[in-house]
Amino acid sequence: HCWLEGSPQTNALVQAALAASVPTYDNYAVILNEDRGGGC
């Protein structure tokens, strides 16, 4: 299951955060506050 996944709200929340802080971007990376390993 790719270790992690988004909720139905995740994409809109990410886009809103980007629009507020870095409206011009090429790629973004998310670091989860989680003590177990995994990436996707």
PDB file of all heavy atoms in Angstrom:
ATOM      1  N   HIS A   1       0.831  -1.207   0.000  1.00  0.00           N
ATOM      2  CA  HIS A   1       0.000   0.000   0.000  1.00  0.00           C
ATOM      3  C   HIS A   1       0.868   1.260   0.000  1.00  0.00           C
ATOM      4  O   HIS A   1       0.414   2.332   0.412  1.00  0.00           O
ATOM      5  CB  HIS A   1      -0.938  -0.003   1.204  1.00  0.00           C
ATOM      6  CG  HIS A   1      -2.036  -1.019   1.118  1.00  0.00           C
ATOM      7  ND1 HIS A   1      -3.249  -0.770   0.513  1.00  0.00           N
ATOM      8  CD2 HIS A   1      -2.088  -2.317   1.531  1.00  0.00           C
ATOM      9  CE1 HIS A   1      -4.019  -1.861   0.579  1.00  0.00           C
ATOM     10  NE2 HIS A   1      -3.332  -2.809   1.194  1.00  0.00           N
ATOM     11  N   CYS A   2       2.104   1.106  -0.429  1.00  0.00           N
ATOM     12  CA  CYS A   2       3.030   2.231  -0.604  1.00  0.00           C
ATOM     13  C   CYS A   2       3.386   2.925   0.710  1.00  0.00           C
ATOM     14  O   CYS A   2       3.780   4.090   0.711  1.00  0.00           O
ATOM     15  CB  CYS A   2       2.471   3.240  -1.608  1.00  0.00           C
ATOM     16  SG  CYS A   2       3.750   4.080  -2.564  1.00  0.00           S
ATOM     17  N   TRP A   3       3.217   2.223   1.849  1.00  0.00           N
ATOM     18  CA  TRP A   3       3.604   2.702   3.168  1.00  0.00           C
ATOM     19  C   TRP A   3       2.728   3.841   3.692  1.00  0.00           C
ATOM     20  O   TRP A   3       2.474   3.929   4.879  1.00  0.00           O
ATOM     21  CB  TRP A   3       5.071   3.147   3.198  1.00  0.00           C
ATOM     22  CG  TRP A   3       6.041   2.095   2.783  1.00  0.00           C
ATOM     23  CD1 TRP A   3       6.710   2.011   1.605  1.00  0.00           C
ATOM     24  CD2 TRP A   3       6.453   0.950   3.543  1.00  0.00           C
ATOM     25  NE1 TRP A   3       7.506   0.895   1.567  1.00  0.00           N
ATOM     26  CE2 TRP A   3       7.367   0.217   2.753  1.00  0.00           C
ATOM     27  CE3 TRP A   3       6.126   0.474   4.813  1.00  0.00           C
ATOM     28  CZ2 TRP A   3       7.967  -0.951   3.194  1.00  0.00           C
ATOM     29  CZ3 TRP A   3       6.725  -0.708   5.250  1.00  0.00           C
ATOM     30  CH2 TRP A   3       7.637  -1.397   4.440  1.00  0.00           C
ATOM     31  N   LEU A   4       2.305   4.716   2.818  1.00  0.00           N
ATOM     32  CA  LEU A   4       1.513   5.861   3.257  1.00  0.00           C
ATOM     33  C   LEU A   4       0.567   6.268   2.135  1.00  0.00           C
ATOM     34  O   LEU A   4       0.734   5.876   0.975  1.00  0.00           O
ATOM     35  CB  LEU A   4       2.414   7.026   3.661  1.00  0.00           C
ATOM     36  CG  LEU A   4       3.454   7.470   2.616  1.00  0.00           C
ATOM     37  CD1 LEU A   4       2.946   8.662   1.818  1.00  0.00           C
ATOM     38  CD2 LEU A   4       4.768   7.815   3.309  1.00  0.00           C
ATOM     39  N   GLU A   5      -0.426   7.044   2.475  1.00  0.00           N
ATOM     40  CA  GLU A   5      -1.415   7.452   1.483  1.00  0.00           C
ATOM     41  C   GLU A   5      -2.056   8.765   1.902  1.00  0.00           C
ATOM     42  O   GLU A   5      -1.933   9.206   3.046  1.00  0.00           O
ATOM     43  CB  GLU A   5      -2.482   6.364   1.320  1.00  0.00           C
ATOM     44  CG  GLU A   5      -3.157   5.976   2.626  1.00  0.00           C
ATOM     45  CD  GLU A   5      -3.925   4.672   2.517  1.00  0.00           C
ATOM     46  OE1 GLU A   5      -5.101   4.742   2.123  1.00  0.00           O
ATOM     47  OE2 GLU A   5      -3.345   3.605   2.829  1.00  0.00           O
ATOM     48  N   GLY A   6      -2.740   9.377   0.983  1.00  0.00           N
ATOM     49  CA  GLY A   6      -3.440  10.599   1.299  1.00  0.00           C
ATOM     50  C   GLY A   6      -4.895  10.318   1.643  1.00  0.00           C
ATOM     51  O   GLY A   6      -5.461   9.300   1.257  1.00  0.00           O
ATOM     52  N   SER A   7      -5.492  11.218   2.384  1.00  0.00           N
ATOM     53  CA  SER A   7      -6.923  11.157   2.664  1.00  0.00           C
ATOM     54  C   SER A   7      -7.645  11.910   1.539  1.00  0.00           C
ATOM     55  O   SER A   7      -7.000  12.549   0.688  1.00  0.00           O
ATOM     56  CB  SER A   7      -7.216  11.812   4.005  1.00  0.00           C
ATOM     57  OG  SER A   7      -6.991  13.218   3.908  1.00  0.00           O
ATOM     58  N   PRO A   8      -8.975  11.886   1.496  1.00  0.00           N
ATOM     59  CA  PRO A   8      -9.690  12.649   0.477  1.00  0.00           C
ATOM     60  C   PRO A   8      -9.401  14.153   0.518  1.00  0.00           C
ATOM     61  O   PRO A   8      -9.582  14.848  -0.477  1.00  0.00           O
ATOM     62  CB  PRO A   8     -11.165  12.362   0.801  1.00  0.00           C
ATOM     63  CG  PRO A   8     -11.145  11.012   1.439  1.00  0.00           C
ATOM     64  CD  PRO A   8      -9.880  10.992   2.253  1.00  0.00           C
ATOM     65  N   GLN A   9      -8.953  14.653   1.671  1.00  0.00           N
ATOM     66  CA  GLN A   9      -8.677  16.089   1.790  1.00  0.00           C
ATOM     67  C   GLN A   9      -7.233  16.462   1.476  1.00  0.00           C
ATOM     68  O   GLN A   9      -6.903  17.646   1.329  1.00  0.00           O
ATOM     69  CB  GLN A   9      -8.989  16.565   3.220  1.00  0.00           C
ATOM     70  CG  GLN A   9     -10.433  16.380   3.653  1.00  0.00           C
ATOM     71  CD  GLN A   9     -10.726  14.976   4.146  1.00  0.00           C
ATOM     72  OE1 GLN A   9      -9.832  14.303   4.666  1.00  0.00           O
ATOM     73  NE2 GLN A   9     -11.961  14.516   3.983  1.00  0.00           N
ATOM     74  N   THR A  10      -6.349  15.459   1.378  1.00  0.00           N
ATOM     75  CA  THR A  10      -4.906  15.741   1.325  1.00  0.00           C
ATOM     76  C   THR A  10      -4.508  16.607   0.146  1.00  0.00           C
ATOM     77  O   THR A  10      -3.774  17.592   0.297  1.00  0.00           O
ATOM     78  CB  THR A  10      -4.109  14.433   1.321  1.00  0.00           C
ATOM     79  OG1 THR A  10      -4.300  13.771   2.578  1.00  0.00           O
ATOM     80  CG2 THR A  10      -2.629  14.698   1.117  1.00  0.00           C
ATOM     81  N   ASN A  11      -4.942  16.262  -1.046  1.00  0.00           N
ATOM     82  CA  ASN A  11      -4.490  17.007  -2.221  1.00  0.00           C
ATOM     83  C   ASN A  11      -4.864  18.478  -2.132  1.00  0.00           C
ATOM     84  O   ASN A  11      -4.036  19.360  -2.401  1.00  0.00           O
ATOM     85  CB  ASN A  11      -5.061  16.400  -3.495  1.00  0.00           C
ATOM     86  CG  ASN A  11      -4.514  17.075  -4.742  1.00  0.00           C
ATOM     87  OD1 ASN A  11      -3.320  17.041  -5.006  1.00  0.00           O
ATOM     88  ND2 ASN A  11      -5.383  17.714  -5.504  1.00  0.00           N
ATOM     89  N   ALA A  12      -6.096  18.768  -1.742  1.00  0.00           N
ATOM     90  CA  ALA A  12      -6.526  20.170  -1.630  1.00  0.00           C
ATOM     91  C   ALA A  12      -5.732  20.902  -0.554  1.00  0.00           C
ATOM     92  O   ALA A  12      -5.371  22.084  -0.730  1.00  0.00           O
ATOM     93  CB  ALA A  12      -8.022  20.232  -1.324  1.00  0.00           C
ATOM     94  N   LEU A  13      -5.437  20.229   0.551  1.00  0.00           N
ATOM     95  CA  LEU A  13      -4.675  20.857   1.624  1.00  0.00           C
ATOM     96  C   LEU A  13      -3.237  21.142   1.181  1.00  0.00           C
ATOM     97  O   LEU A  13      -2.673  22.197   1.498  1.00  0.00           O
ATOM     98  CB  LEU A  13      -4.678  19.960   2.864  1.00  0.00           C
ATOM     99  CG  LEU A  13      -6.017  19.847   3.589  1.00  0.00           C
ATOM    100  CD1 LEU A  13      -5.971  18.735   4.630  1.00  0.00           C
ATOM    101  CD2 LEU A  13      -6.382  21.187   4.251  1.00  0.00           C
ATOM    102  N   VAL A  14      -2.644  20.200   0.441  1.00  0.00           N
ATOM    103  CA  VAL A  14      -1.284  20.416  -0.075  1.00  0.00           C
ATOM    104  C   VAL A  14      -1.269  21.599  -1.040  1.00  0.00           C
ATOM    105  O   VAL A  14      -0.402  22.481  -0.967  1.00  0.00           O
ATOM    106  CB  VAL A  14      -0.754  19.141  -0.755  1.00  0.00           C
ATOM    107  CG1 VAL A  14       0.530  19.445  -1.531  1.00  0.00           C
ATOM    108  CG2 VAL A  14      -0.493  18.051   0.270  1.00  0.00           C
ATOM    109  N   GLN A  15      -2.220  21.631  -1.967  1.00  0.00           N
ATOM    110  CA  GLN A  15      -2.258  22.712  -2.944  1.00  0.00           C
ATOM    111  C   GLN A  15      -2.485  24.063  -2.275  1.00  0.00           C
ATOM    112  O   GLN A  15      -1.902  25.069  -2.688  1.00  0.00           O
ATOM    113  CB  GLN A  15      -3.352  22.438  -3.981  1.00  0.00           C
ATOM    114  CG  GLN A  15      -3.114  21.212  -4.841  1.00  0.00           C
ATOM    115  CD  GLN A  15      -1.776  21.253  -5.552  1.00  0.00           C
ATOM    116  OE1 GLN A  15      -1.387  22.276  -6.113  1.00  0.00           O
ATOM    117  NE2 GLN A  15      -1.060  20.135  -5.525  1.00  0.00           N
ATOM    118  N   ALA A  16      -3.303  24.083  -1.247  1.00  0.00           N
ATOM    119  CA  ALA A  16      -3.535  25.334  -0.524  1.00  0.00           C
ATOM    120  C   ALA A  16      -2.273  25.794   0.193  1.00  0.00           C
ATOM    121  O   ALA A  16      -1.956  26.994   0.210  1.00  0.00           O
ATOM    122  CB  ALA A  16      -4.676  25.149   0.467  1.00  0.00           C
ATOM    123  N   ALA A  17      -1.553  24.855   0.780  1.00  0.00           N
ATOM    124  CA  ALA A  17      -0.310  25.203   1.471  1.00  0.00           C
ATOM    125  C   ALA A  17       0.727  25.739   0.494  1.00  0.00           C
ATOM    126  O   ALA A  17       1.438  26.712   0.778  1.00  0.00           O
ATOM    127  CB  ALA A  17       0.230  23.980   2.207  1.00  0.00           C
ATOM    128  N   LEU A  18       0.811  25.108  -0.681  1.00  0.00           N
ATOM    129  CA  LEU A  18       1.757  25.574  -1.691  1.00  0.00           C
ATOM    130  C   LEU A  18       1.369  26.956  -2.204  1.00  0.00           C
ATOM    131  O   LEU A  18       2.217  27.835  -2.358  1.00  0.00           O
ATOM    132  CB  LEU A  18       1.802  24.575  -2.850  1.00  0.00           C
ATOM    133  CG  LEU A  18       2.442  23.222  -2.544  1.00  0.00           C
ATOM    134  CD1 LEU A  18       2.167  22.240  -3.670  1.00  0.00           C
ATOM    135  CD2 LEU A  18       3.945  23.371  -2.334  1.00  0.00           C
ATOM    136  N   ALA A  19       0.089  27.149  -2.473  1.00  0.00           N
ATOM    137  CA  ALA A  19      -0.368  28.437  -2.989  1.00  0.00           C
ATOM    138  C   ALA A  19      -0.092  29.560  -2.006  1.00  0.00           C
ATOM    139  O   ALA A  19       0.215  30.697  -2.394  1.00  0.00           O
ATOM    140  CB  ALA A  19      -1.856  28.362  -3.308  1.00  0.00           C
ATOM    141  N   ALA A  20      -0.177  29.257  -0.713  1.00  0.00           N
ATOM    142  CA  ALA A  20       0.038  30.280   0.301  1.00  0.00           C
ATOM    143  C   ALA A  20       1.505  30.620   0.498  1.00  0.00           C
ATOM    144  O   ALA A  20       1.848  31.743   0.867  1.00  0.00           O
ATOM    145  CB  ALA A  20      -0.565  29.825   1.627  1.00  0.00           C
ATOM    146  N   SER A  21       2.380  29.646   0.270  1.00  0.00           N
ATOM    147  CA  SER A  21       3.792  29.834   0.616  1.00  0.00           C
ATOM    148  C   SER A  21       4.728  29.861  -0.585  1.00  0.00           C
ATOM    149  O   SER A  21       5.650  30.670  -0.643  1.00  0.00           O
ATOM    150  CB  SER A  21       4.243  28.724   1.579  1.00  0.00           C
ATOM    151  OG  SER A  21       3.449  28.711   2.731  1.00  0.00           O
ATOM    152  N   VAL A  22       4.525  28.949  -1.541  1.00  0.00           N
ATOM    153  CA  VAL A  22       5.424  28.856  -2.701  1.00  0.00           C
ATOM    154  C   VAL A  22       4.586  28.651  -3.972  1.00  0.00           C
ATOM    155  O   VAL A  22       4.516  27.556  -4.520  1.00  0.00           O
ATOM    156  CB  VAL A  22       6.445  27.706  -2.545  1.00  0.00           C
ATOM    157  CG1 VAL A  22       7.594  28.097  -1.665  1.00  0.00           C
ATOM    158  CG2 VAL A  22       5.773  26.443  -1.996  1.00  0.00           C
ATOM    159  N   PRO A  23       3.931  29.707  -4.450  1.00  0.00           N
ATOM    160  CA  PRO A  23       3.032  29.556  -5.593  1.00  0.00           C
ATOM    161  C   PRO A  23       3.714  29.088  -6.878  1.00  0.00           C
ATOM    162  O   PRO A  23       3.061  28.538  -7.753  1.00  0.00           O
ATOM    163  CB  PRO A  23       2.446  30.964  -5.764  1.00  0.00           C
ATOM    164  CG  PRO A  23       3.402  31.876  -5.072  1.00  0.00           C
ATOM    165  CD  PRO A  23       3.962  31.083  -3.946  1.00  0.00           C
ATOM    166  N   THR A  24       5.039  29.307  -6.977  1.00  0.00           N
ATOM    167  CA  THR A  24       5.779  28.822  -8.141  1.00  0.00           C
ATOM    168  C   THR A  24       6.724  27.719  -7.687  1.00  0.00           C
ATOM    169  O   THR A  24       7.651  27.965  -6.922  1.00  0.00           O
ATOM    170  CB  THR A  24       6.588  29.955  -8.797  1.00  0.00           C
ATOM    171  OG1 THR A  24       5.688  30.998  -9.194  1.00  0.00           O
ATOM    172  CG2 THR A  24       7.327  29.436 -10.016  1.00  0.00           C
ATOM    173  N   TYR A  25       6.453  26.498  -8.125  1.00  0.00           N
ATOM    174  CA  TYR A  25       7.291  25.366  -7.728  1.00  0.00           C
ATOM    175  C   TYR A  25       7.293  24.331  -8.844  1.00  0.00           C
ATOM    176  O   TYR A  25       6.404  24.316  -9.705  1.00  0.00           O
ATOM    177  CB  TYR A  25       6.780  24.734  -6.431  1.00  0.00           C
ATOM    178  CG  TYR A  25       5.446  24.035  -6.574  1.00  0.00           C
ATOM    179  CD1 TYR A  25       5.382  22.662  -6.834  1.00  0.00           C
ATOM    180  CD2 TYR A  25       4.250  24.735  -6.480  1.00  0.00           C
ATOM    181  CE1 TYR A  25       4.156  22.029  -6.998  1.00  0.00           C
ATOM    182  CE2 TYR A  25       3.037  24.113  -6.631  1.00  0.00           C
ATOM    183  CZ  TYR A  25       2.987  22.757  -6.887  1.00  0.00           C
ATOM    184  OH  TYR A  25       1.785  22.132  -7.057  1.00  0.00           O
ATOM    185  N   ASP A  26       8.301  23.477  -8.841  1.00  0.00           N
ATOM    186  CA  ASP A  26       8.404  22.407  -9.828  1.00  0.00           C
ATOM    187  C   ASP A  26       8.048  21.056  -9.225  1.00  0.00           C
ATOM    188  O   ASP A  26       7.389  20.234  -9.860  1.00  0.00           O
ATOM    189  CB  ASP A  26       9.823  22.363 -10.415  1.00  0.00           C
ATOM    190  CG  ASP A  26      10.178  23.656 -11.122  1.00  0.00           C
ATOM    191  OD1 ASP A  26       9.485  23.990 -12.093  1.00  0.00           O
ATOM    192  OD2 ASP A  26      11.121  24.337 -10.696  1.00  0.00           O
ATOM    193  N   ASN A  27       8.517  20.800  -8.020  1.00  0.00           N
ATOM    194  CA  ASN A  27       8.219  19.566  -7.305  1.00  0.00           C
ATOM    195  C   ASN A  27       8.136  19.896  -5.823  1.00  0.00           C
ATOM    196  O   ASN A  27       8.664  20.917  -5.377  1.00  0.00           O
ATOM    197  CB  ASN A  27       9.311  18.503  -7.510  1.00  0.00           C
ATOM    198  CG  ASN A  27       9.485  18.120  -8.958  1.00  0.00           C
ATOM    199  OD1 ASN A  27      10.283  18.729  -9.649  1.00  0.00           O
ATOM    200  ND2 ASN A  27       8.753  17.121  -9.411  1.00  0.00           N
ATOM    201  N   TYR A  28       7.505  19.039  -5.071  1.00  0.00           N
ATOM    202  CA  TYR A  28       7.520  19.221  -3.628  1.00  0.00           C
ATOM    203  C   TYR A  28       7.754  17.878  -2.949  1.00  0.00           C
ATOM    204  O   TYR A  28       7.504  16.823  -3.519  1.00  0.00           O
ATOM    205  CB  TYR A  28       6.226  19.868  -3.119  1.00  0.00           C
ATOM    206  CG  TYR A  28       4.977  19.023  -3.253  1.00  0.00           C
ATOM    207  CD1 TYR A  28       4.686  18.002  -2.342  1.00  0.00           C
ATOM    208  CD2 TYR A  28       4.065  19.268  -4.270  1.00  0.00           C
ATOM    209  CE1 TYR A  28       3.538  17.244  -2.451  1.00  0.00           C
ATOM    210  CE2 TYR A  28       2.901  18.510  -4.384  1.00  0.00           C
ATOM    211  CZ  TYR A  28       2.640  17.504  -3.484  1.00  0.00           C
ATOM    212  OH  TYR A  28       1.506  16.752  -3.597  1.00  0.00           O
ATOM    213  N   ALA A  29       8.234  17.928  -1.736  1.00  0.00           N
ATOM    214  CA  ALA A  29       8.450  16.734  -0.915  1.00  0.00           C
ATOM    215  C   ALA A  29       7.730  16.929   0.409  1.00  0.00           C
ATOM    216  O   ALA A  29       7.714  18.028   0.960  1.00  0.00           O
ATOM    217  CB  ALA A  29       9.939  16.496  -0.680  1.00  0.00           C
ATOM    218  N   VAL A  30       7.123  15.857   0.906  1.00  0.00           N
ATOM    219  CA  VAL A  30       6.428  15.876   2.189  1.00  0.00           C
ATOM    220  C   VAL A  30       7.147  14.941   3.149  1.00  0.00           C
ATOM    221  O   VAL A  30       7.439  13.793   2.790  1.00  0.00           O
ATOM    222  CB  VAL A  30       4.958  15.439   2.039  1.00  0.00           C
ATOM    223  CG1 VAL A  30       4.283  15.349   3.407  1.00  0.00           C
ATOM    224  CG2 VAL A  30       4.204  16.402   1.142  1.00  0.00           C
ATOM    225  N   ILE A  31       7.444  15.412   4.350  1.00  0.00           N
ATOM    226  CA  ILE A  31       8.035  14.580   5.390  1.00  0.00           C
ATOM    227  C   ILE A  31       6.992  14.374   6.481  1.00  0.00           C
ATOM    228  O   ILE A  31       6.520  15.336   7.090  1.00  0.00           O
ATOM    229  CB  ILE A  31       9.300  15.227   5.979  1.00  0.00           C
ATOM    230  CG1 ILE A  31      10.334  15.469   4.872  1.00  0.00           C
ATOM    231  CG2 ILE A  31       9.890  14.333   7.063  1.00  0.00           C
ATOM    232  CD1 ILE A  31      11.551  16.235   5.339  1.00  0.00           C
ATOM    233  N   LEU A  32       6.629  13.125   6.711  1.00  0.00           N
ATOM    234  CA  LEU A  32       5.619  12.804   7.715  1.00  0.00           C
ATOM    235  C   LEU A  32       6.256  12.661   9.091  1.00  0.00           C
ATOM    236  O   LEU A  32       7.334  12.076   9.230  1.00  0.00           O
ATOM    237  CB  LEU A  32       4.906  11.507   7.354  1.00  0.00           C
ATOM    238  CG  LEU A  32       3.747  11.611   6.347  1.00  0.00           C
ATOM    239  CD1 LEU A  32       4.260  12.023   4.974  1.00  0.00           C
ATOM    240  CD2 LEU A  32       3.015  10.288   6.248  1.00  0.00           C
ATOM    241  N   ASN A  33       5.594  13.168  10.101  1.00  0.00           N
ATOM    242  CA  ASN A  33       6.061  13.088  11.483  1.00  0.00           C
ATOM    243  C   ASN A  33       5.721  11.700  12.040  1.00  0.00           C
ATOM    244  O   ASN A  33       4.820  11.539  12.860  1.00  0.00           O
ATOM    245  CB  ASN A  33       5.398  14.197  12.319  1.00  0.00           C
ATOM    246  CG  ASN A  33       5.896  14.220  13.750  1.00  0.00           C
ATOM    247  OD1 ASN A  33       6.948  13.673  14.074  1.00  0.00           O
ATOM    248  ND2 ASN A  33       5.134  14.854  14.616  1.00  0.00           N
ATOM    249  N   GLU A  34       6.478  10.704  11.561  1.00  0.00           N
ATOM    250  CA  GLU A  34       6.198   9.298  11.867  1.00  0.00           C
ATOM    251  C   GLU A  34       7.498   8.588  12.188  1.00  0.00           C
ATOM    252  O   GLU A  34       8.490   8.736  11.473  1.00  0.00           O
ATOM    253  CB  GLU A  34       5.506   8.639  10.666  1.00  0.00           C
ATOM    254  CG  GLU A  34       5.389   7.128  10.714  1.00  0.00           C
ATOM    255  CD  GLU A  34       4.591   6.635  11.917  1.00  0.00           C
ATOM    256  OE1 GLU A  34       3.500   7.182  12.183  1.00  0.00           O
ATOM    257  OE2 GLU A  34       5.073   5.706  12.577  1.00  0.00           O
ATOM    258  N   ASP A  35       7.501   7.795  13.274  1.00  0.00           N
ATOM    259  CA  ASP A  35       8.711   7.134  13.737  1.00  0.00           C
ATOM    260  C   ASP A  35       8.944   5.765  13.110  1.00  0.00           C
ATOM    261  O   ASP A  35       9.884   5.068  13.492  1.00  0.00           O
ATOM    262  CB  ASP A  35       8.678   6.987  15.260  1.00  0.00           C
ATOM    263  CG  ASP A  35       8.847   8.337  15.958  1.00  0.00           C
ATOM    264  OD1 ASP A  35       9.514   9.209  15.375  1.00  0.00           O
ATOM    265  OD2 ASP A  35       8.303   8.511  17.064  1.00  0.00           O
ATOM    266  N   ARG A  36       8.098   5.366  12.174  1.00  0.00           N
ATOM    267  CA  ARG A  36       8.354   4.154  11.405  1.00  0.00           C
ATOM    268  C   ARG A  36       8.759   4.531   9.985  1.00  0.00           C
ATOM    269  O   ARG A  36       8.434   5.614   9.500  1.00  0.00           O
ATOM    270  CB  ARG A  36       7.113   3.253  11.380  1.00  0.00           C
ATOM    271  CG  ARG A  36       6.807   2.596  12.730  1.00  0.00           C
ATOM    272  CD  ARG A  36       5.600   1.680  12.622  1.00  0.00           C
ATOM    273  NE  ARG A  36       4.373   2.446  12.456  1.00  0.00           N
ATOM    274  CZ  ARG A  36       3.211   1.903  12.082  1.00  0.00           C
ATOM    275  NH1 ARG A  36       3.145   0.602  11.810  1.00  0.00           N
ATOM    276  NH2 ARG A  36       2.137   2.660  11.977  1.00  0.00           N
ATOM    277  N   GLY A  37       9.483   3.639   9.323  1.00  0.00           N
ATOM    278  CA  GLY A  37      10.016   3.953   8.009  1.00  0.00           C
ATOM    279  C   GLY A  37       9.008   3.751   6.903  1.00  0.00           C
ATOM    280  O   GLY A  37       8.069   2.968   7.017  1.00  0.00           O
ATOM    281  N   GLY A  38       9.228   4.449   5.774  1.00  0.00           N
ATOM    282  CA  GLY A  38       8.394   4.275   4.604  1.00  0.00           C
ATOM    283  C   GLY A  38       8.416   5.499   3.718  1.00  0.00           C
ATOM    284  O   GLY A  38       8.586   6.625   4.192  1.00  0.00           O
ATOM    285  N   GLY A  39       8.249   5.267   2.412  1.00  0.00           N
ATOM    286  CA  GLY A  39       8.204   6.372   1.471  1.00  0.00           C
ATOM    287  C   GLY A  39       7.421   5.981   0.237  1.00  0.00           C
ATOM    288  O   GLY A  39       7.295   4.803  -0.086  1.00  0.00           O
ATOM    289  N   CYS A  40       6.895   6.984  -0.458  1.00  0.00           N
ATOM    290  CA  CYS A  40       6.109   6.726  -1.658  1.00  0.00           C
ATOM    291  C   CYS A  40       6.119   7.980  -2.516  1.00  0.00           C
ATOM    292  O   CYS A  40       6.237   9.099  -1.991  1.00  0.00           O
ATOM    293  CB  CYS A  40       4.675   6.347  -1.283  1.00  0.00           C
ATOM    294  SG  CYS A  40       3.712   5.662  -2.665  1.00  0.00           S
TER     295      CYS A  40
END
